[in-house]
């Protein structure tokens, strides 16, 4: 369900998200967002860190893909060293 509300921006560029929307989405002080700017639209998308179980699954998938690509730990260490050397 899409909910519509209006708000305005302060002189400091701050925008208040209406209370009913904050409650429905479970937004709290300190909630983090990615901000996407379109031609005439601004989209706020909440950023939620993965749970430890989700993170573990991501790591498992990355390791599996690396194995399938034939990568070795030494390849990763070399790539990290190369990137760090460019700074």
N, C-alpha and C. Protein backbone atom coordinates (compact mmCIF):
# COMPACT_ATOMS: atom_id res chain seq x y z
N UNK A 1 0.84 -1.18 0.00
CA UNK A 1 0.00 0.00 0.00
C UNK A 1 0.89 1.24 0.00
N UNK A 2 0.64 2.15 -0.92
CA UNK A 2 1.37 3.39 -1.01
C UNK A 2 0.67 4.44 -0.17
N UNK A 3 1.43 5.12 0.64
CA UNK A 3 0.87 6.17 1.48
C UNK A 3 1.41 7.50 1.00
N UNK A 4 0.56 8.50 0.95
CA UNK A 4 0.93 9.82 0.47
C UNK A 4 0.94 10.81 1.63
N UNK A 5 1.93 11.67 1.67
CA UNK A 5 2.01 12.73 2.68
C UNK A 5 2.84 13.86 2.10
N UNK A 6 2.74 15.02 2.68
CA UNK A 6 3.58 16.14 2.26
C UNK A 6 4.47 16.56 3.40
N UNK A 7 5.58 17.17 3.05
CA UNK A 7 6.53 17.68 4.02
C UNK A 7 7.30 18.79 3.35
N UNK A 8 8.16 19.47 4.07
CA UNK A 8 8.98 20.49 3.43
C UNK A 8 10.40 20.41 3.97
N UNK A 9 11.30 21.00 3.23
CA UNK A 9 12.71 20.96 3.59
C UNK A 9 13.07 22.21 4.38
N UNK A 10 13.89 22.03 5.41
CA UNK A 10 14.35 23.16 6.22
C UNK A 10 15.49 23.88 5.51
N UNK A 11 15.90 24.99 6.07
CA UNK A 11 17.01 25.75 5.48
C UNK A 11 18.32 24.96 5.55
N UNK A 12 18.38 23.94 6.40
CA UNK A 12 19.57 23.09 6.50
C UNK A 12 19.48 21.85 5.62
N UNK A 13 18.41 21.76 4.82
CA UNK A 13 18.26 20.61 3.93
C UNK A 13 17.64 19.41 4.60
N UNK A 14 17.09 19.58 5.78
CA UNK A 14 16.49 18.46 6.51
C UNK A 14 15.02 18.32 6.12
N UNK A 15 14.59 17.07 5.99
CA UNK A 15 13.20 16.76 5.65
C UNK A 15 12.64 15.85 6.72
N UNK A 16 11.45 16.17 7.20
CA UNK A 16 10.80 15.35 8.22
C UNK A 16 9.94 14.30 7.53
N UNK A 17 10.15 13.04 7.91
CA UNK A 17 9.28 11.97 7.42
C UNK A 17 8.10 11.92 8.38
N UNK A 18 6.88 12.05 7.86
CA UNK A 18 5.70 12.08 8.73
C UNK A 18 5.64 10.90 9.69
N UNK A 19 5.15 11.16 10.89
CA UNK A 19 5.14 10.18 11.97
C UNK A 19 4.43 8.87 11.59
N UNK A 20 3.27 8.95 10.94
CA UNK A 20 2.56 7.72 10.61
C UNK A 20 3.36 6.84 9.65
N UNK A 21 4.11 7.46 8.76
CA UNK A 21 4.96 6.68 7.84
C UNK A 21 6.14 6.09 8.60
N UNK A 22 6.75 6.89 9.49
CA UNK A 22 7.86 6.35 10.31
C UNK A 22 7.41 5.15 11.11
N UNK A 23 6.26 5.24 11.72
CA UNK A 23 5.75 4.12 12.54
C UNK A 23 5.48 2.89 11.67
N UNK A 24 4.82 3.09 10.54
CA UNK A 24 4.47 1.96 9.67
C UNK A 24 5.72 1.24 9.17
N UNK A 25 6.77 2.02 8.88
CA UNK A 25 8.01 1.43 8.37
C UNK A 25 9.00 1.06 9.46
N UNK A 26 8.66 1.38 10.70
CA UNK A 26 9.55 1.05 11.82
C UNK A 26 10.83 1.86 11.82
N UNK A 27 10.77 3.10 11.35
CA UNK A 27 11.95 3.96 11.30
C UNK A 27 12.20 4.60 12.66
N UNK A 28 13.42 4.62 13.07
CA UNK A 28 13.83 5.20 14.36
C UNK A 28 14.93 6.21 14.12
N UNK A 29 15.22 7.03 15.14
CA UNK A 29 16.34 7.95 15.06
C UNK A 29 17.59 7.14 14.74
N UNK A 30 18.37 7.60 13.79
CA UNK A 30 19.59 6.89 13.40
C UNK A 30 19.39 5.93 12.24
N UNK A 31 18.13 5.75 11.79
CA UNK A 31 17.89 4.89 10.62
C UNK A 31 18.73 5.43 9.46
N UNK A 32 19.28 4.53 8.67
CA UNK A 32 20.15 4.93 7.56
C UNK A 32 19.43 4.69 6.24
N UNK A 33 19.75 5.56 5.27
CA UNK A 33 19.11 5.51 3.98
C UNK A 33 20.14 5.69 2.87
N UNK A 34 19.84 5.15 1.71
CA UNK A 34 20.54 5.52 0.50
C UNK A 34 19.60 6.50 -0.18
N UNK A 35 20.14 7.56 -0.76
CA UNK A 35 19.33 8.60 -1.40
C UNK A 35 19.58 8.53 -2.90
N UNK A 36 18.50 8.38 -3.66
CA UNK A 36 18.58 8.31 -5.11
C UNK A 36 17.87 9.52 -5.68
N UNK A 37 18.55 10.25 -6.54
CA UNK A 37 17.96 11.44 -7.16
C UNK A 37 17.62 11.14 -8.60
N UNK A 38 16.38 11.41 -8.96
CA UNK A 38 15.94 11.27 -10.35
C UNK A 38 15.75 12.65 -10.94
N UNK A 39 15.14 12.72 -12.09
CA UNK A 39 14.92 14.01 -12.75
C UNK A 39 14.15 14.97 -11.85
N UNK A 40 13.04 14.50 -11.29
CA UNK A 40 12.26 15.35 -10.40
C UNK A 40 11.77 14.58 -9.17
N UNK A 41 12.58 13.59 -8.74
CA UNK A 41 12.19 12.76 -7.61
C UNK A 41 13.40 12.47 -6.73
N UNK A 42 13.13 12.35 -5.44
CA UNK A 42 14.15 11.91 -4.49
C UNK A 42 13.58 10.68 -3.80
N UNK A 43 14.34 9.60 -3.83
CA UNK A 43 13.89 8.35 -3.22
C UNK A 43 14.81 8.02 -2.06
N UNK A 44 14.21 7.74 -0.91
CA UNK A 44 14.96 7.28 0.26
C UNK A 44 14.70 5.78 0.40
N UNK A 45 15.75 4.99 0.44
CA UNK A 45 15.64 3.55 0.62
C UNK A 45 16.38 3.18 1.89
N UNK A 46 15.68 2.53 2.82
CA UNK A 46 16.34 2.17 4.07
C UNK A 46 17.47 1.16 3.82
N UNK A 47 18.50 1.30 4.60
CA UNK A 47 19.64 0.39 4.55
C UNK A 47 19.60 -0.43 5.83
N UNK A 48 19.50 -1.72 5.70
CA UNK A 48 19.52 -2.57 6.88
C UNK A 48 20.65 -3.57 6.74
N UNK A 49 21.51 -3.63 7.74
CA UNK A 49 22.61 -4.59 7.65
C UNK A 49 22.07 -6.02 7.70
N UNK A 50 22.74 -6.94 7.03
CA UNK A 50 22.26 -8.32 7.06
C UNK A 50 22.45 -8.93 8.45
N UNK A 51 21.61 -9.89 8.76
CA UNK A 51 21.79 -10.64 10.01
C UNK A 51 23.07 -11.47 9.86
N UNK A 52 23.55 -12.01 10.95
CA UNK A 52 24.76 -12.85 10.89
C UNK A 52 24.52 -14.07 10.00
N UNK A 53 23.30 -14.62 10.05
CA UNK A 53 22.99 -15.78 9.21
C UNK A 53 23.04 -15.38 7.73
N UNK A 54 22.46 -14.21 7.40
CA UNK A 54 22.49 -13.74 6.02
C UNK A 54 23.93 -13.45 5.58
N UNK A 55 24.72 -12.85 6.48
CA UNK A 55 26.11 -12.54 6.16
C UNK A 55 26.90 -13.83 5.90
N UNK A 56 26.68 -14.83 6.76
CA UNK A 56 27.36 -16.12 6.57
C UNK A 56 27.00 -16.73 5.23
N UNK A 57 25.72 -16.62 4.83
CA UNK A 57 25.29 -17.17 3.54
C UNK A 57 25.95 -16.41 2.39
N UNK A 58 26.06 -15.09 2.50
CA UNK A 58 26.74 -14.30 1.47
C UNK A 58 28.20 -14.73 1.32
N UNK A 59 28.86 -14.95 2.45
CA UNK A 59 30.27 -15.38 2.43
C UNK A 59 30.37 -16.76 1.79
N UNK A 60 29.46 -17.67 2.15
CA UNK A 60 29.46 -19.01 1.55
C UNK A 60 29.32 -18.93 0.03
N UNK A 61 28.38 -18.10 -0.42
CA UNK A 61 28.17 -17.96 -1.86
C UNK A 61 29.39 -17.36 -2.56
N UNK A 62 30.01 -16.36 -1.94
CA UNK A 62 31.19 -15.73 -2.53
C UNK A 62 32.34 -16.73 -2.63
N UNK A 63 32.52 -17.53 -1.59
CA UNK A 63 33.59 -18.54 -1.62
C UNK A 63 33.33 -19.59 -2.70
N UNK A 64 32.06 -19.99 -2.83
CA UNK A 64 31.71 -20.98 -3.85
C UNK A 64 31.98 -20.42 -5.25
N UNK A 65 31.60 -19.17 -5.48
CA UNK A 65 31.85 -18.56 -6.79
C UNK A 65 33.34 -18.42 -7.06
N UNK A 66 34.10 -18.08 -6.03
CA UNK A 66 35.55 -17.96 -6.20
C UNK A 66 36.16 -19.32 -6.56
N UNK A 67 35.71 -20.38 -5.88
CA UNK A 67 36.21 -21.73 -6.20
C UNK A 67 35.87 -22.11 -7.64
N UNK A 68 34.62 -21.82 -8.05
CA UNK A 68 34.19 -22.16 -9.41
C UNK A 68 34.98 -21.38 -10.46
N UNK A 69 35.42 -20.18 -10.10
CA UNK A 69 36.22 -19.37 -11.02
C UNK A 69 37.69 -19.75 -10.99
N UNK A 70 38.04 -20.66 -10.09
CA UNK A 70 39.42 -21.12 -9.99
C UNK A 70 40.33 -20.18 -9.21
N UNK A 71 39.74 -19.32 -8.40
CA UNK A 71 40.55 -18.39 -7.61
C UNK A 71 41.15 -19.09 -6.40
N UNK A 72 42.33 -18.62 -6.02
CA UNK A 72 43.01 -19.13 -4.83
C UNK A 72 43.20 -17.97 -3.86
N UNK A 73 43.50 -18.30 -2.61
CA UNK A 73 43.74 -17.25 -1.60
C UNK A 73 44.87 -16.31 -2.03
N UNK A 74 45.88 -16.88 -2.69
CA UNK A 74 47.01 -16.05 -3.13
C UNK A 74 46.56 -15.03 -4.18
N UNK A 75 45.57 -15.39 -5.02
CA UNK A 75 45.04 -14.45 -6.01
C UNK A 75 44.37 -13.26 -5.30
N UNK A 76 43.64 -13.57 -4.25
CA UNK A 76 42.93 -12.51 -3.51
C UNK A 76 43.95 -11.60 -2.82
N UNK A 77 44.96 -12.20 -2.21
CA UNK A 77 45.99 -11.39 -1.54
C UNK A 77 46.71 -10.48 -2.53
N UNK A 78 47.00 -10.99 -3.72
CA UNK A 78 47.65 -10.17 -4.75
C UNK A 78 46.75 -9.02 -5.20
N UNK A 79 45.46 -9.30 -5.36
CA UNK A 79 44.52 -8.26 -5.79
C UNK A 79 44.40 -7.16 -4.73
N UNK A 80 44.37 -7.56 -3.46
CA UNK A 80 44.28 -6.58 -2.38
C UNK A 80 45.55 -5.73 -2.34
N UNK A 81 46.69 -6.38 -2.47
CA UNK A 81 47.98 -5.65 -2.46
C UNK A 81 48.05 -4.67 -3.63
N UNK A 82 47.56 -5.07 -4.79
CA UNK A 82 47.59 -4.20 -5.96
C UNK A 82 46.71 -2.97 -5.75
N UNK A 83 45.53 -3.18 -5.20
CA UNK A 83 44.63 -2.05 -4.96
C UNK A 83 45.21 -1.12 -3.90
N UNK A 84 45.74 -1.69 -2.84
CA UNK A 84 46.32 -0.86 -1.77
C UNK A 84 47.53 -0.09 -2.28
N UNK A 85 48.24 -0.65 -3.21
CA UNK A 85 49.43 0.03 -3.77
C UNK A 85 49.06 1.23 -4.63
N UNK A 86 47.85 1.30 -5.12
CA UNK A 86 47.41 2.42 -5.96
C UNK A 86 46.99 3.65 -5.16
N UNK A 87 46.86 3.52 -3.88
CA UNK A 87 46.39 4.65 -3.06
C UNK A 87 47.45 5.66 -2.82
